C-alpha atoms as a PDB file:
ATOM      1  CA  MET A   1       0.000   0.000   0.000  1.00  0.00           C
ATOM      2  CA  PRO A   2       1.561   3.349  -1.045  1.00  0.00           C
ATOM      3  CA  LYS A   3       2.203   5.786   1.780  1.00  0.00           C
ATOM      4  CA  ASN A   4      -0.182   8.449   0.569  1.00  0.00           C
ATOM      5  CA  GLY A   5      -2.698  10.491   2.524  1.00  0.00           C
ATOM      6  CA  GLU A   6      -5.115   7.567   2.818  1.00  0.00           C
ATOM      7  CA  PHE A   7      -2.359   5.352   4.240  1.00  0.00           C
ATOM      8  CA  TRP A   8      -1.454   7.880   6.916  1.00  0.00           C
ATOM      9  CA  ASP A   9      -5.080   8.530   7.817  1.00  0.00           C
ATOM     10  CA  PHE A  10      -5.543   4.807   8.408  1.00  0.00           C
ATOM     11  CA  TYR A  11      -2.198   4.393  10.174  1.00  0.00           C
ATOM     12  CA  TRP A  12      -2.837   7.139  12.709  1.00  0.00           C
ATOM     13  CA  GLU A  13      -6.481   6.177  13.188  1.00  0.00           C
ATOM     14  CA  VAL A  14      -5.299   2.783  14.400  1.00  0.00           C
ATOM     15  CA  ARG A  15      -2.174   3.945  16.238  1.00  0.00           C
ATOM     16  CA  LEU A  16      -3.862   6.771  18.132  1.00  0.00           C
ATOM     17  CA  GLN A  17      -7.102   5.086  19.166  1.00  0.00           C
ATOM     18  CA  ALA A  18      -6.179   5.519  22.827  1.00  0.00           C
ATOM     19  CA  MET A  19      -5.777   9.270  22.244  1.00  0.00           C
ATOM     20  CA  GLN A  20      -9.114   9.733  20.525  1.00  0.00           C
ATOM     21  CA  ASP A  21     -10.287  12.336  23.052  1.00  0.00           C
ATOM     22  CA  LEU A  22      -6.909  13.970  23.681  1.00  0.00           C
ATOM     23  CA  GLY A  23      -5.917  17.210  22.008  1.00  0.00           C
ATOM     24  CA  LYS A  24      -2.253  16.234  21.694  1.00  0.00           C
ATOM     25  CA  ARG A  25      -3.350  13.701  19.072  1.00  0.00           C
ATOM     26  CA  GLU A  26      -3.659  16.710  16.754  1.00  0.00           C
ATOM     27  CA  ALA A  27      -0.048  17.653  17.471  1.00  0.00           C
ATOM     28  CA  ILE A  28       1.136  14.215  16.374  1.00  0.00           C
ATOM     29  CA  LEU A  29      -0.908  14.372  13.168  1.00  0.00           C
ATOM     30  CA  ALA A  30       0.372  17.850  12.302  1.00  0.00           C
ATOM     31  CA  VAL A  31       4.033  17.005  12.933  1.00  0.00           C
ATOM     32  CA  SER A  32       3.732  13.725  11.021  1.00  0.00           C
ATOM     33  CA  LYS A  33       2.554  15.710   8.026  1.00  0.00           C
ATOM     34  CA  LEU A  34       5.413  18.157   8.525  1.00  0.00           C
ATOM     35  CA  ILE A  35       7.973  15.343   8.636  1.00  0.00           C
ATOM     36  CA  ARG A  36       6.695  13.930   5.358  1.00  0.00           C
ATOM     37  CA  LYS A  37       6.984  17.326   3.695  1.00  0.00           C
ATOM     38  CA  LEU A  38      10.431  18.127   5.072  1.00  0.00           C
ATOM     39  CA  ALA A  39      11.792  14.706   4.154  1.00  0.00           C
ATOM     40  CA  LYS A  40      11.257  15.517   0.472  1.00  0.00           C
ATOM     41  CA  HIS A  41      13.804  18.337   0.693  1.00  0.00           C
ATOM     42  CA  LYS A  42      16.214  17.183   3.407  1.00  0.00           C
ATOM     43  CA  GLY A  43      19.062  14.964   2.212  1.00  0.00           C
ATOM     44  CA  SER A  44      19.727  13.358   5.600  1.00  0.00           C
ATOM     45  CA  PRO A  45      17.316  12.018   8.232  1.00  0.00           C
ATOM     46  CA  LEU A  46      15.594  14.611  10.400  1.00  0.00           C
ATOM     47  CA  ARG A  47      16.556  15.078  14.041  1.00  0.00           C
ATOM     48  CA  LEU A  48      13.797  15.625  16.598  1.00  0.00           C
ATOM     49  CA  LEU A  49      14.007  17.121  20.088  1.00  0.00           C
ATOM     50  CA  GLU A  50      11.114  16.985  22.541  1.00  0.00           C
ATOM     51  CA  LEU A  51      11.316  19.157  25.641  1.00  0.00           C
ATOM     52  CA  GLY A  52       9.277  17.690  28.486  1.00  0.00           C
ATOM     53  CA  CYS A  53       8.945  14.376  26.645  1.00  0.00           C
ATOM     54  CA  GLY A  54       7.519  12.421  29.602  1.00  0.00           C
ATOM     55  CA  GLU A  55       7.029   8.785  28.626  1.00  0.00           C
ATOM     56  CA  GLY A  56       7.671   9.544  24.965  1.00  0.00           C
ATOM     57  CA  GLN A  57       4.116   9.382  23.642  1.00  0.00           C
ATOM     58  CA  ILE A  58       4.708  12.170  21.127  1.00  0.00           C
ATOM     59  CA  ILE A  59       8.292  11.833  19.927  1.00  0.00           C
ATOM     60  CA  GLY A  60       8.171   8.036  20.167  1.00  0.00           C
ATOM     61  CA  ALA A  61       5.062   7.760  18.027  1.00  0.00           C
ATOM     62  CA  LEU A  62       6.582  10.045  15.387  1.00  0.00           C
ATOM     63  CA  LEU A  63       9.890   8.185  15.255  1.00  0.00           C
ATOM     64  CA  ASP A  64       8.117   4.819  15.042  1.00  0.00           C
ATOM     65  CA  ALA A  65       6.010   6.085  12.147  1.00  0.00           C
ATOM     66  CA  HIS A  66       8.880   7.645  10.182  1.00  0.00           C
ATOM     67  CA  PRO A  67      12.009   5.467  10.649  1.00  0.00           C
ATOM     68  CA  GLN A  68      13.340   6.303   7.176  1.00  0.00           C
ATOM     69  CA  ASP A  69      12.728  10.046   7.427  1.00  0.00           C
ATOM     70  CA  CYS A  70      13.994  10.579  10.997  1.00  0.00           C
ATOM     71  CA  SER A  71      17.131   9.534  12.842  1.00  0.00           C
ATOM     72  CA  VAL A  72      16.124   7.793  16.055  1.00  0.00           C
ATOM     73  CA  THR A  73      19.656   7.771  17.474  1.00  0.00           C
ATOM     74  CA  ALA A  74      20.197  11.485  16.717  1.00  0.00           C
ATOM     75  CA  SER A  75      16.871  12.496  18.261  1.00  0.00           C
ATOM     76  CA  VAL A  76      16.553  13.466  21.919  1.00  0.00           C
ATOM     77  CA  GLY A  77      13.868  13.442  24.596  1.00  0.00           C
ATOM     78  CA  LEU A  78      14.432  15.590  27.671  1.00  0.00           C
ATOM     79  CA  ASP A  79      12.467  15.398  30.914  1.00  0.00           C
ATOM     80  CA  TYR A  80      13.109  15.870  34.636  1.00  0.00           C
ATOM     81  CA  ASN A  81      11.095  12.795  35.717  1.00  0.00           C
ATOM     82  CA  SER A  82      13.304   9.713  35.948  1.00  0.00           C
ATOM     83  CA  HIS A  83      10.355   7.293  36.142  1.00  0.00           C
ATOM     84  CA  SER A  84       8.869   8.691  32.935  1.00  0.00           C
ATOM     85  CA  LEU A  85      12.224   8.424  31.198  1.00  0.00           C
ATOM     86  CA  GLU A  86      12.617   4.807  32.313  1.00  0.00           C
ATOM     87  CA  LYS A  87       9.327   3.908  30.637  1.00  0.00           C
ATOM     88  CA  CYS A  88      10.289   5.939  27.575  1.00  0.00           C
ATOM     89  CA  HIS A  89      13.544   3.993  27.334  1.00  0.00           C
ATOM     90  CA  ARG A  90      11.698   0.668  27.526  1.00  0.00           C
ATOM     91  CA  ASP A  91       9.242   1.673  24.823  1.00  0.00           C
ATOM     92  CA  TYR A  92      11.688   3.525  22.538  1.00  0.00           C
ATOM     93  CA  PRO A  93      15.164   2.086  23.241  1.00  0.00           C
ATOM     94  CA  GLY A  94      16.980   3.841  20.400  1.00  0.00           C
ATOM     95  CA  LEU A  95      15.997   7.354  21.446  1.00  0.00           C
ATOM     96  CA  GLN A  96      18.582   9.448  23.319  1.00  0.00           C
ATOM     97  CA  LEU A  97      17.190  10.510  26.692  1.00  0.00           C
ATOM     98  CA  VAL A  98      18.415  13.308  28.917  1.00  0.00           C
ATOM     99  CA  GLN A  99      17.221  13.874  32.456  1.00  0.00           C
ATOM    100  CA  GLY A 100      17.032  17.536  33.372  1.00  0.00           C
ATOM    101  CA  ASP A 101      15.050  20.751  33.420  1.00  0.00           C
ATOM    102  CA  PHE A 102      14.475  22.220  29.958  1.00  0.00           C
ATOM    103  CA  THR A 103      14.441  25.715  31.473  1.00  0.00           C
ATOM    104  CA  ASP A 104      18.180  25.185  32.101  1.00  0.00           C
ATOM    105  CA  LEU A 105      19.580  27.112  29.128  1.00  0.00           C
ATOM    106  CA  GLN A 106      23.104  25.756  29.627  1.00  0.00           C
ATOM    107  CA  LEU A 107      21.798  22.194  29.437  1.00  0.00           C
ATOM    108  CA  LEU A 108      19.800  23.002  26.323  1.00  0.00           C
ATOM    109  CA  SER A 109      22.748  24.603  24.582  1.00  0.00           C
ATOM    110  CA  SER A 110      24.727  21.379  25.032  1.00  0.00           C
ATOM    111  CA  LEU A 111      22.212  19.411  22.964  1.00  0.00           C
ATOM    112  CA  GLY A 112      22.862  21.057  19.600  1.00  0.00           C
ATOM    113  CA  GLN A 113      20.207  21.951  17.052  1.00  0.00           C
ATOM    114  CA  PHE A 114      17.384  19.954  15.492  1.00  0.00           C
ATOM    115  CA  GLU A 115      15.163  20.122  12.432  1.00  0.00           C
ATOM    116  CA  ILE A 116      12.046  19.793  14.621  1.00  0.00           C
ATOM    117  CA  VAL A 117      11.693  20.891  18.249  1.00  0.00           C
ATOM    118  CA  LEU A 118       8.551  19.784  20.079  1.00  0.00           C
ATOM    119  CA  LEU A 119       6.901  21.659  22.948  1.00  0.00           C
ATOM    120  CA  VAL A 120       3.742  19.683  23.635  1.00  0.00           C
ATOM    121  CA  ASN A 121       1.881  20.537  26.854  1.00  0.00           C
ATOM    122  CA  ALA A 122       5.174  21.668  28.345  1.00  0.00           C
ATOM    123  CA  LEU A 123       5.228  25.444  28.825  1.00  0.00           C
ATOM    124  CA  HIS A 124       2.090  25.560  30.982  1.00  0.00           C
ATOM    125  CA  GLU A 125       4.060  23.550  33.556  1.00  0.00           C
ATOM    126  CA  VAL A 126       6.768  26.219  33.488  1.00  0.00           C
ATOM    127  CA  PHE A 127       4.115  28.874  34.063  1.00  0.00           C
ATOM    128  CA  SER A 128       2.507  26.922  36.902  1.00  0.00           C
ATOM    129  CA  ALA A 129       5.876  26.552  38.631  1.00  0.00           C
ATOM    130  CA  GLY A 130       5.675  30.314  39.180  1.00  0.00           C
ATOM    131  CA  TYR A 131       3.348  29.767  42.148  1.00  0.00           C
ATOM    132  CA  SER A 132       4.148  32.246  44.919  1.00  0.00           C
ATOM    133  CA  PRO A 133       3.473  31.133  48.525  1.00  0.00           C
ATOM    134  CA  GLU A 134       3.409  34.785  49.534  1.00  0.00           C
ATOM    135  CA  LEU A 135       0.660  35.599  47.015  1.00  0.00           C
ATOM    136  CA  GLY A 136      -1.123  32.304  47.483  1.00  0.00           C
ATOM    137  CA  GLU A 137      -1.310  31.880  43.693  1.00  0.00           C
ATOM    138  CA  VAL A 138       0.809  32.120  40.558  1.00  0.00           C
ATOM    139  CA  ASP A 139       2.804  35.334  40.255  1.00  0.00           C
ATOM    140  CA  VAL A 140       1.667  35.981  36.688  1.00  0.00           C
ATOM    141  CA  PRO A 141       4.325  38.528  35.549  1.00  0.00           C
ATOM    142  CA  ALA A 142       7.166  36.408  36.950  1.00  0.00           C
ATOM    143  CA  ALA A 143       5.646  33.195  35.588  1.00  0.00           C
ATOM    144  CA  LYS A 144       5.268  34.661  32.104  1.00  0.00           C
ATOM    145  CA  GLN A 145       8.913  35.744  32.248  1.00  0.00           C
ATOM    146  CA  ARG A 146       9.858  32.128  33.036  1.00  0.00           C
ATOM    147  CA  VAL A 147       7.833  31.011  30.011  1.00  0.00           C
ATOM    148  CA  ARG A 148       9.612  33.531  27.757  1.00  0.00           C
ATOM    149  CA  GLN A 149      13.022  32.355  28.966  1.00  0.00           C
ATOM    150  CA  ALA A 150      12.121  28.706  28.406  1.00  0.00           C
ATOM    151  CA  PHE A 151      10.746  29.515  24.961  1.00  0.00           C
ATOM    152  CA  THR A 152      13.997  31.314  24.080  1.00  0.00           C
ATOM    153  CA  GLY A 153      15.962  28.194  24.947  1.00  0.00           C
ATOM    154  CA  ALA A 154      13.668  26.049  22.807  1.00  0.00           C
ATOM    155  CA  ALA A 155      13.812  28.466  19.850  1.00  0.00           C
ATOM    156  CA  GLU A 156      17.611  28.430  19.927  1.00  0.00           C
ATOM    157  CA  ARG A 157      17.575  24.646  19.470  1.00  0.00           C
ATOM    158  CA  VAL A 158      15.790  24.958  16.109  1.00  0.00           C
ATOM    159  CA  ALA A 159      18.228  24.519  13.213  1.00  0.00           C
ATOM    160  CA  PRO A 160      18.152  27.074  10.373  1.00  0.00           C
ATOM    161  CA  GLY A 161      15.087  26.319   8.293  1.00  0.00           C
ATOM    162  CA  GLY A 162      13.812  23.934  10.974  1.00  0.00           C
ATOM    163  CA  TYR A 163      10.531  24.047  12.866  1.00  0.00           C
ATOM    164  CA  LEU A 164       9.247  24.536  16.368  1.00  0.00           C
ATOM    165  CA  ALA A 165       5.952  22.738  17.019  1.00  0.00           C
ATOM    166  CA  LEU A 166       3.954  23.946  20.026  1.00  0.00           C
ATOM    167  CA  PHE A 167       0.761  22.514  21.448  1.00  0.00           C
ATOM    168  CA  ASP A 168      -0.631  23.832  24.726  1.00  0.00           C
ATOM    169  CA  GLY A 169      -3.474  25.529  26.547  1.00  0.00           C
ATOM    170  CA  LEU A 170      -4.933  28.836  25.405  1.00  0.00           C
ATOM    171  CA  GLU A 171      -5.958  31.821  27.486  1.00  0.00           C
ATOM    172  CA  THR A 172      -9.188  33.428  26.336  1.00  0.00           C
ATOM    173  CA  PRO A 173      -9.087  36.957  24.903  1.00  0.00           C
ATOM    174  CA  GLY A 174     -11.012  39.830  26.420  1.00  0.00           C
ATOM    175  CA  ASP A 175     -11.678  40.846  30.004  1.00  0.00           C
ATOM    176  CA  ALA A 176     -10.500  38.060  32.319  1.00  0.00           C
ATOM    177  CA  TRP A 177     -12.639  39.466  35.139  1.00  0.00           C
ATOM    178  CA  GLU A 178     -15.915  39.646  33.207  1.00  0.00           C
ATOM    179  CA  GLN A 179     -18.559  37.837  35.246  1.00  0.00           C
ATOM    180  CA  LEU A 180     -20.214  34.854  33.569  1.00  0.00           C
ATOM    181  CA  ARG A 181     -23.304  33.015  34.763  1.00  0.00           C
ATOM    182  CA  ILE A 182     -23.405  29.242  34.403  1.00  0.00           C
ATOM    183  CA  ARG A 183     -25.859  26.531  35.425  1.00  0.00           C
ATOM    184  CA  PHE A 184     -24.943  22.971  36.405  1.00  0.00           C
ATOM    185  CA  LEU A 185     -27.138  20.453  34.607  1.00  0.00           C
ATOM    186  CA  HIS A 186     -26.928  17.655  37.172  1.00  0.00           C
ATOM    187  CA  PRO A 187     -25.792  17.167  40.779  1.00  0.00           C
ATOM    188  CA  GLN A 188     -22.469  15.558  39.857  1.00  0.00           C
ATOM    189  CA  ALA A 189     -21.473  18.594  37.806  1.00  0.00           C
ATOM    190  CA  ARG A 190     -22.180  20.873  40.753  1.00  0.00           C
ATOM    191  CA  ASP A 191     -20.281  18.611  43.163  1.00  0.00           C
ATOM    192  CA  ASP A 192     -17.311  18.481  40.789  1.00  0.00           C
ATOM    193  CA  PHE A 193     -17.261  22.272  40.567  1.00  0.00           C
ATOM    194  CA  LEU A 194     -17.175  22.579  44.354  1.00  0.00           C
ATOM    195  CA  VAL A 195     -14.175  20.242  44.441  1.00  0.00           C
ATOM    196  CA  PHE A 196     -12.474  22.324  41.757  1.00  0.00           C
ATOM    197  CA  ALA A 197     -13.114  25.606  43.592  1.00  0.00           C
ATOM    198  CA  CYS A 198     -11.723  24.165  46.812  1.00  0.00           C
ATOM    199  CA  GLU A 199      -8.698  22.248  45.503  1.00  0.00           C
ATOM    200  CA  TYR A 200      -7.453  24.130  42.423  1.00  0.00           C
ATOM    201  CA  HIS A 201      -3.998  25.371  43.391  1.00  0.00           C
ATOM    202  CA  PRO A 202      -2.626  27.931  40.875  1.00  0.00           C
ATOM    203  CA  PHE A 203      -5.277  30.597  41.545  1.00  0.00           C
ATOM    204  CA  ARG A 204      -7.911  31.320  44.145  1.00  0.00           C
ATOM    205  CA  VAL A 205     -11.343  30.650  42.652  1.00  0.00           C
ATOM    206  CA  SER A 206     -14.206  32.959  43.565  1.00  0.00           C
ATOM    207  CA  TYR A 207     -17.872  32.428  42.745  1.00  0.00           C
ATOM    208  CA  GLN A 208     -21.308  33.461  43.937  1.00  0.00           C
ATOM    209  CA  GLU A 209     -24.520  31.465  43.912  1.00  0.00           C
ATOM    210  CA  VAL A 210     -27.355  33.143  42.027  1.00  0.00           C
ATOM    211  CA  GLY A 211     -30.898  32.182  42.911  1.00  0.00           C
ATOM    212  CA  ASP A 212     -30.168  28.536  43.690  1.00  0.00           C
ATOM    213  CA  SER A 213     -27.150  26.321  44.284  1.00  0.00           C
ATOM    214  CA  TYR A 214     -27.109  25.107  40.678  1.00  0.00           C
ATOM    215  CA  CYS A 215     -26.442  28.577  39.238  1.00  0.00           C
ATOM    216  CA  VAL A 216     -23.250  30.537  39.927  1.00  0.00           C
ATOM    217  CA  GLU A 217     -21.413  33.598  38.672  1.00  0.00           C
ATOM    218  CA  LEU A 218     -17.634  33.599  38.313  1.00  0.00           C
ATOM    219  CA  SER A 219     -14.972  35.369  36.306  1.00  0.00           C
ATOM    220  CA  ARG A 220     -14.151  34.397  32.747  1.00  0.00           C
ATOM    221  CA  ARG A 221     -10.641  33.498  33.988  1.00  0.00           C
ATOM    222  CA  ASP A 222     -11.938  31.088  36.617  1.00  0.00           C
ATOM    223  CA  PHE A 223     -14.582  29.624  34.307  1.00  0.00           C
ATOM    224  CA  THR A 224     -11.983  28.851  31.636  1.00  0.00           C
ATOM    225  CA  ARG A 225      -9.823  27.062  34.155  1.00  0.00           C
ATOM    226  CA  TYR A 226     -12.726  25.155  35.632  1.00  0.00           C
ATOM    227  CA  ILE A 227     -14.192  23.940  32.363  1.00  0.00           C
ATOM    228  CA  THR A 228     -10.855  22.819  30.891  1.00  0.00           C
ATOM    229  CA  LYS A 229     -10.002  20.927  34.080  1.00  0.00           C
ATOM    230  CA  SER A 230     -13.480  19.453  34.527  1.00  0.00           C
ATOM    231  CA  ILE A 231     -12.636  16.315  32.534  1.00  0.00           C
ATOM    232  CA  PHE A 232     -10.117  15.339  35.247  1.00  0.00           C
ATOM    233  CA  LEU A 233     -12.389  15.822  38.247  1.00  0.00           C
ATOM    234  CA  GLY A 234     -13.153  12.538  39.992  1.00  0.00           C
ATOM    235  CA  LYS A 235     -10.148  10.855  38.365  1.00  0.00           C
ATOM    236  CA  GLN A 236      -6.713  10.014  39.714  1.00  0.00           C
ATOM    237  CA  LEU A 237      -5.137  12.531  37.328  1.00  0.00           C
ATOM    238  CA  TRP A 238      -6.872  15.347  39.199  1.00  0.00           C
ATOM    239  CA  GLN A 239      -4.207  15.163  41.923  1.00  0.00           C
ATOM    240  CA  SER A 240      -1.585  16.403  39.467  1.00  0.00           C
ATOM    241  CA  GLU A 241      -3.860  18.434  37.180  1.00  0.00           C
ATOM    242  CA  ARG A 242      -5.130  20.569  40.073  1.00  0.00           C
ATOM    243  CA  LEU A 243      -1.597  21.924  40.523  1.00  0.00           C
ATOM    244  CA  GLU A 244      -1.302  23.329  36.995  1.00  0.00           C
ATOM    245  CA  SER A 245      -2.864  26.190  35.078  1.00  0.00           C
ATOM    246  CA  TYR A 246      -3.297  25.031  31.491  1.00  0.00           C
ATOM    247  CA  GLN A 247      -3.687  28.649  30.356  1.00  0.00           C
ATOM    248  CA  TYR A 248      -0.940  31.273  30.324  1.00  0.00           C
ATOM    249  CA  TYR A 249      -0.851  33.065  26.925  1.00  0.00           C
ATOM    250  CA  ASN A 250      -3.644  34.198  24.638  1.00  0.00           C
ATOM    251  CA  GLU A 251      -3.303  33.930  20.869  1.00  0.00           C
ATOM    252  CA  ALA A 252      -1.855  37.424  20.465  1.00  0.00           C
ATOM    253  CA  GLU A 253       0.825  36.690  23.078  1.00  0.00           C
ATOM    254  CA  PHE A 254       1.753  33.426  21.361  1.00  0.00           C
ATOM    255  CA  ARG A 255       2.065  35.181  18.018  1.00  0.00           C
ATOM    256  CA  ALA A 256       4.244  37.916  19.491  1.00  0.00           C
ATOM    257  CA  CYS A 257       6.484  35.370  21.205  1.00  0.00           C
ATOM    258  CA  PHE A 258       7.122  33.414  18.010  1.00  0.00           C
ATOM    259  CA  GLU A 259       7.685  36.508  15.900  1.00  0.00           C
ATOM    260  CA  SER A 260      10.115  38.057  18.393  1.00  0.00           C
ATOM    261  CA  HIS A 261      12.280  34.927  18.102  1.00  0.00           C
ATOM    262  CA  GLY A 262      12.432  34.983  14.301  1.00  0.00           C
ATOM    263  CA  LEU A 263      10.018  32.069  13.942  1.00  0.00           C
ATOM    264  CA  MET A 264       7.616  32.421  11.028  1.00  0.00           C
ATOM    265  CA  ILE A 265       4.232  30.890  11.832  1.00  0.00           C
ATOM    266  CA  GLN A 266       3.210  28.557   9.021  1.00  0.00           C
ATOM    267  CA  GLU A 267       0.183  27.013  10.716  1.00  0.00           C
ATOM    268  CA  LEU A 268      -1.883  28.123  13.704  1.00  0.00           C
ATOM    269  CA  ARG A 269      -5.057  26.431  14.878  1.00  0.00           C
ATOM    270  CA  THR A 270      -7.180  26.653  17.973  1.00  0.00           C
ATOM    271  CA  LEU A 271      -9.297  23.654  18.850  1.00  0.00           C
ATOM    272  CA  THR A 272     -11.580  22.110  21.426  1.00  0.00           C
ATOM    273  CA  VAL A 273     -12.054  18.373  21.822  1.00  0.00           C
ATOM    274  CA  ASN A 274     -14.279  18.269  24.911  1.00  0.00           C
ATOM    275  CA  TYR A 275     -17.148  20.536  23.859  1.00  0.00           C
ATOM    276  CA  ASP A 276     -19.790  17.790  24.042  1.00  0.00           C
ATOM    277  CA  LYS A 277     -18.652  16.716  27.506  1.00  0.00           C
ATOM    278  CA  TRP A 278     -18.719  20.291  28.767  1.00  0.00           C
ATOM    279  CA  SER A 279     -22.155  21.058  27.349  1.00  0.00           C
ATOM    280  CA  SER A 280     -23.603  17.932  28.933  1.00  0.00           C
ATOM    281  CA  ALA A 281     -22.581  19.191  32.382  1.00  0.00           C
ATOM    282  CA  VAL A 282     -22.857  22.990  32.201  1.00  0.00           C
ATOM    283  CA  ALA A 283     -25.013  25.556  30.435  1.00  0.00           C
ATOM    284  CA  ILE A 284     -23.731  29.116  29.965  1.00  0.00           C
ATOM    285  CA  GLU A 285     -26.545  31.552  30.723  1.00  0.00           C
ATOM    286  CA  THR A 286     -24.629  34.739  29.886  1.00  0.00           C
ATOM    287  CA  PRO A 287     -25.865  35.836  26.421  1.00  0.00           C
ATOM    288  CA  GLY A 288     -23.355  35.654  23.573  1.00  0.00           C
ATOM    289  CA  VAL A 289     -20.790  33.562  25.478  1.00  0.00           C
ATOM    290  CA  ASP A 290     -19.701  30.103  24.350  1.00  0.00           C
ATOM    291  CA  PHE A 291     -17.216  27.593  25.713  1.00  0.00           C
ATOM    292  CA  PRO A 292     -13.583  28.653  25.197  1.00  0.00           C
ATOM    293  CA  ALA A 293     -11.065  27.267  22.752  1.00  0.00           C
ATOM    294  CA  GLU A 294      -9.170  24.607  24.674  1.00  0.00           C
ATOM    295  CA  HIS A 295      -5.850  24.235  22.842  1.00  0.00           C
ATOM    296  CA  ILE A 296      -3.551  26.045  20.451  1.00  0.00           C
ATOM    297  CA  LEU A 297      -1.339  24.352  17.843  1.00  0.00           C
ATOM    298  CA  ILE A 298       1.464  26.292  16.141  1.00  0.00           C
ATOM    299  CA  LEU A 299       4.062  25.191  13.600  1.00  0.00           C
ATOM    300  CA  ALA A 300       6.687  27.855  12.944  1.00  0.00           C
ATOM    301  CA  GLN A 301       9.868  27.902  10.900  1.00  0.00           C
ATOM    302  CA  ASN A 302      13.246  29.336  11.848  1.00  0.00           C
ATOM    303  CA  SER A 303      13.691  31.957   9.144  1.00  0.00           C
ATOM    304  CA  VAL A 304      17.493  32.071   9.515  1.00  0.00           C
ATOM    305  CA  ASP A 305      19.162  30.767   6.362  1.00  0.00           C
ATOM    306  CA  GLY A 306      21.873  28.350   7.374  1.00  0.00           C
ATOM    307  CA  GLY A 307      22.070  26.224   4.248  1.00  0.00           C
ATOM    308  CA  SER A 308      19.905  23.482   5.762  1.00  0.00           C
ATOM    309  CA  GLY A 309      18.403  22.366   2.478  1.00  0.00           C
ATOM    310  CA  ILE A 310      14.935  23.006   3.880  1.00  0.00           C
ATOM    311  CA  PRO A 311      13.217  25.725   1.867  1.00  0.00           C
ATOM    312  CA  GLU A 312      11.487  28.592   3.636  1.00  0.00           C
ATOM    313  CA  THR A 313       8.012  28.198   2.212  1.00  0.00           C
ATOM    314  CA  GLU A 314       4.419  27.855   3.254  1.00  0.00           C
ATOM    315  CA  GLN A 315       3.767  25.199   0.637  1.00  0.00           C
ATOM    316  CA  TYR A 316       3.988  22.426   3.260  1.00  0.00           C
ATOM    317  CA  PHE A 317       0.515  23.271   4.482  1.00  0.00           C
ATOM    318  CA  ASN A 318      -1.020  23.988   1.103  1.00  0.00           C
ATOM    319  CA  THR A 319      -0.385  20.621  -0.530  1.00  0.00           C
END
């Protein structure tokens, strides 16, 4: 069977069945397409770097799918969690693994440069680490500065003509403190919200009951965080998810960050994969307000010409 679009649609449909409801599935699909395009122009196998690789779900799946187009032994996964790296090594034994903090710019500089650098659900952890005990919540200006520094380190690892692929949470535009009115559609939804309001760590959550206990008003900021975390409530993952803010930059801030580092955005998409789940638990009563975009996906090219053999063109996403 020729490896055309139909082949890859079938391949990933089977391979990613377990990720059917996960947004990062879209990151894998987008980077797989990018690899296939770049491989047509690159004379040697592509090198991949994933920062915050965890157990290797992203980089491992891509290397398994494209063994002729990518160099497994020249690709690197970096993560601070030794247990995650142990599992990654078992599942993807050829991949180079480095234990460390990807916000350590000296460590990053020792790795060299790569045709594709992956930041998948990584920078929101950097932002969340900016929690201030004195404030009792994330120190937003300081946390955003940490994100910018980490992004700089990642951007510097992108070879001339190479790509940085980012997938992460998205802050909503507009007034973060605008009050929204929502109604819980069943008792479990209300109980889950009360757990969220009590246990969510990055920010203090404020709300006010309106009329009855099933209707509350809260800020757009707090609503966005609640609804995007609601899928984890009542699950074991909540114990780690409650410590992290998935949102840190809005679309304009992401665009500015990429552009200031000389990275030309070739593809940008916002997406939501849990809309049906949200709408089965909560109704938004504020007129003209809908559920927020959940994720942002950006593929951007290093515009520096270093004789990489990879053309600077937008044709990858038009063919």
